[in-house]
Structures are given as structure tokens and as C-alpha cells.
Amino acid sequence: QVQLVESGGGLVQAGGSLSLSCAASGRTFAGNSMGWFRQAPGKERQFVASIDWSARRTSYAESVKGRFTISRDIAKNTVSLQMNSLKPEDTAVYYCAGSSEVPYATEVADLYAYWGQGTQVTVSS
């Protein structure tokens, strides 16, 4: 059984930082893209960041560019999201995702077959 488990969410003041981690088990994602998405109350799921199979190429939503950094440890089968300069509008449940189809960094949610349960990030003003 494939599982993705996120950790590191919490409450932080605007301007602060949080680091999210996602540990995958049940299959390796070496060779495939991994990513982060988020969903705020009453809103649709939104792409945040993705990283390719080699961990060399990344893609970010415009709203987080320059503030968030995605990384992965291929050997440990983990993906992380460092979030700096957080804003209240970053408040959401954050989900990590693993693709079974593509090696490149992609923002297309349908290309990710595996999803974590999510971790809450709340940024107070």
C-alpha cells in the first residue's frame, strides 16, 4: 500500500517560516515527479510546487515564487517544502503528491496518482 505522510504544518505569524516534509512508503518515486498542492476553505485545490525525477528542475506557482523552495531526497523517498515570508493568504491544507506517470516537474494535478492526507498551515496576520 502506497502512503504519503505529511508533517510540519502549524500556526505561524505573517512573515514567518514553516518547513513541510512528506515521507513516501510502499513504492519509490525515483524517476517520477513529486509536488505540493494546497486547498483553502471554499476554494479549489491549487498547485504550489513540483520537482522532477532528478531533483534538479522545479516549478512554482507565481504566488509562491521567491518565497517557497521545494526539494527532495531521492534515496529517502521524501519531498520537502520550505516556506518563508508566509502571508495570511498562504493559509490552507497542504498536500504532497507523487506521480506514477511523468518524470518532469508538472503542475497538472491529474498526473499525480498518489496523495497524502494533508497538513494544515495557518498564517495569522
Protein backbone atom coordinates (compact mmCIF):
# COMPACT_ATOMS: atom_id res chain seq x y z
CA GLN A 1 0.00 0.00 0.00
CA VAL A 2 1.39 3.35 -1.04
CA GLN A 3 1.32 6.05 1.61
CA LEU A 4 2.41 9.68 1.63
CA VAL A 5 2.51 11.27 5.06
CA GLU A 6 2.96 15.00 5.52
CA SER A 7 4.31 16.69 8.62
CA GLY A 8 5.39 20.12 9.74
CA GLY A 9 2.23 22.16 9.45
CA GLY A 10 1.10 24.55 12.15
CA LEU A 11 0.33 28.11 13.11
CA VAL A 12 2.74 30.92 12.29
CA GLN A 13 2.60 34.68 12.16
CA ALA A 14 2.78 36.53 8.87
CA GLY A 15 6.38 36.87 7.77
CA GLY A 16 7.37 33.66 9.50
CA SER A 17 8.57 30.34 8.12
CA LEU A 18 7.48 26.72 8.15
CA SER A 19 9.00 23.59 6.69
CA LEU A 20 6.80 20.76 5.45
CA SER A 21 8.00 17.22 4.88
CA CYS A 22 6.42 14.27 3.13
CA ALA A 23 7.57 10.69 3.55
CA ALA A 24 6.51 8.13 0.97
CA SER A 25 6.32 4.40 1.53
CA GLY A 26 5.06 1.40 -0.40
CA ARG A 27 6.77 2.39 -3.65
CA THR A 28 9.65 4.51 -4.78
CA PHE A 29 9.07 7.80 -6.57
CA ALA A 30 12.57 7.84 -8.01
CA GLY A 31 12.07 8.53 -11.69
CA ASN A 32 8.81 10.43 -11.16
CA SER A 33 7.71 13.91 -10.32
CA MET A 34 6.61 14.91 -6.83
CA GLY A 35 4.74 18.02 -5.83
CA TRP A 36 2.83 20.10 -3.32
CA PHE A 37 -0.69 21.42 -3.65
CA ARG A 38 -2.91 23.33 -1.26
CA GLN A 39 -6.59 23.92 -0.68
CA ALA A 40 -8.06 26.80 1.28
CA PRO A 41 -11.61 26.66 2.69
CA GLY A 42 -14.18 27.21 -0.03
CA LYS A 43 -11.56 27.20 -2.76
CA GLU A 44 -10.34 24.69 -5.30
CA ARG A 45 -7.11 22.77 -4.90
CA GLN A 46 -4.20 24.85 -6.14
CA PHE A 47 -0.76 23.90 -7.41
CA VAL A 48 2.12 25.11 -5.25
CA ALA A 49 5.36 23.50 -6.42
CA SER A 50 6.77 20.44 -8.13
CA ILE A 51 10.16 18.82 -8.64
CA ASP A 52 11.37 16.47 -11.33
CA TRP A 53 12.82 12.99 -11.05
CA SER A 54 16.39 14.25 -10.82
CA ALA A 55 15.67 16.89 -8.18
CA ARG A 56 17.30 19.42 -10.49
CA ARG A 57 14.26 21.07 -12.07
CA THR A 58 11.45 22.71 -10.18
CA SER A 59 8.25 24.57 -10.95
CA TYR A 60 6.37 27.04 -8.75
CA ALA A 61 3.07 28.84 -8.71
CA GLU A 62 3.56 32.56 -9.29
CA SER A 63 2.10 33.34 -5.89
CA VAL A 64 4.90 31.49 -4.06
CA LYS A 65 7.91 32.11 -6.30
CA GLY A 66 10.84 33.51 -4.35
CA ARG A 67 9.28 32.51 -1.02
CA PHE A 68 8.89 28.71 -1.20
CA THR A 69 11.51 26.10 -2.06
CA ILE A 70 10.77 22.50 -2.94
CA SER A 71 13.40 19.79 -2.55
CA ARG A 72 13.54 16.03 -2.45
CA ASP A 73 15.76 13.25 -1.16
CA ILE A 74 15.51 10.53 -3.77
CA ALA A 75 17.22 7.91 -1.63
CA LYS A 76 14.94 8.58 1.33
CA ASN A 77 11.83 8.88 -0.86
CA THR A 78 10.89 12.22 0.69
CA VAL A 79 9.89 15.65 -0.57
CA SER A 80 10.01 18.89 1.40
CA LEU A 81 8.66 22.42 1.10
CA GLN A 82 10.43 25.30 2.82
CA MET A 83 8.03 28.23 3.17
CA ASN A 84 9.39 31.67 4.02
CA SER A 85 7.79 35.10 4.26
CA LEU A 86 4.43 33.50 4.83
CA LYS A 87 1.27 35.50 4.21
CA PRO A 88 -2.26 35.02 5.55
CA GLU A 89 -3.33 34.01 2.05
CA ASP A 90 -1.00 31.00 2.30
CA THR A 91 -3.38 29.52 4.87
CA ALA A 92 -4.59 26.17 3.56
CA VAL A 93 -4.31 22.43 3.89
CA TYR A 94 -1.13 21.39 2.10
CA TYR A 95 -0.94 18.07 0.28
CA CYS A 96 2.08 16.28 -1.12
CA ALA A 97 1.64 14.22 -4.24
CA GLY A 98 3.59 11.65 -6.22
CA SER A 99 3.26 10.91 -9.89
CA SER A 100 3.31 7.46 -11.44
CA GLU A 101 3.31 8.83 -14.97
CA VAL A 102 5.77 11.65 -15.56
CA PRO A 103 9.40 12.35 -14.68
CA TYR A 104 9.25 16.11 -15.21
CA ALA A 105 8.01 18.76 -12.80
CA THR A 106 4.34 19.29 -13.53
CA GLU A 107 1.53 21.41 -12.11
CA VAL A 108 -1.17 19.16 -13.53
CA ALA A 109 -2.93 17.52 -10.59
CA ASP A 110 -4.35 14.72 -12.70
CA LEU A 111 -0.82 13.46 -13.37
CA TYR A 112 -0.35 12.71 -9.67
CA ALA A 113 -1.81 9.35 -8.68
CA TYR A 114 -0.78 9.37 -5.03
CA TRP A 115 -1.74 11.93 -2.40
CA GLY A 116 -1.13 12.48 1.27
CA GLN A 117 -3.82 13.26 3.83
CA GLY A 118 -2.76 16.87 4.14
CA THR A 119 -1.33 19.11 6.84
CA GLN A 120 -2.85 22.39 7.99
CA VAL A 121 -0.88 25.61 7.63
CA THR A 122 -2.36 28.68 9.25
CA VAL A 123 -0.78 32.11 8.90
CA SER A 124 -2.07 34.80 11.21
CA SER A 125 -1.94 38.48 10.36
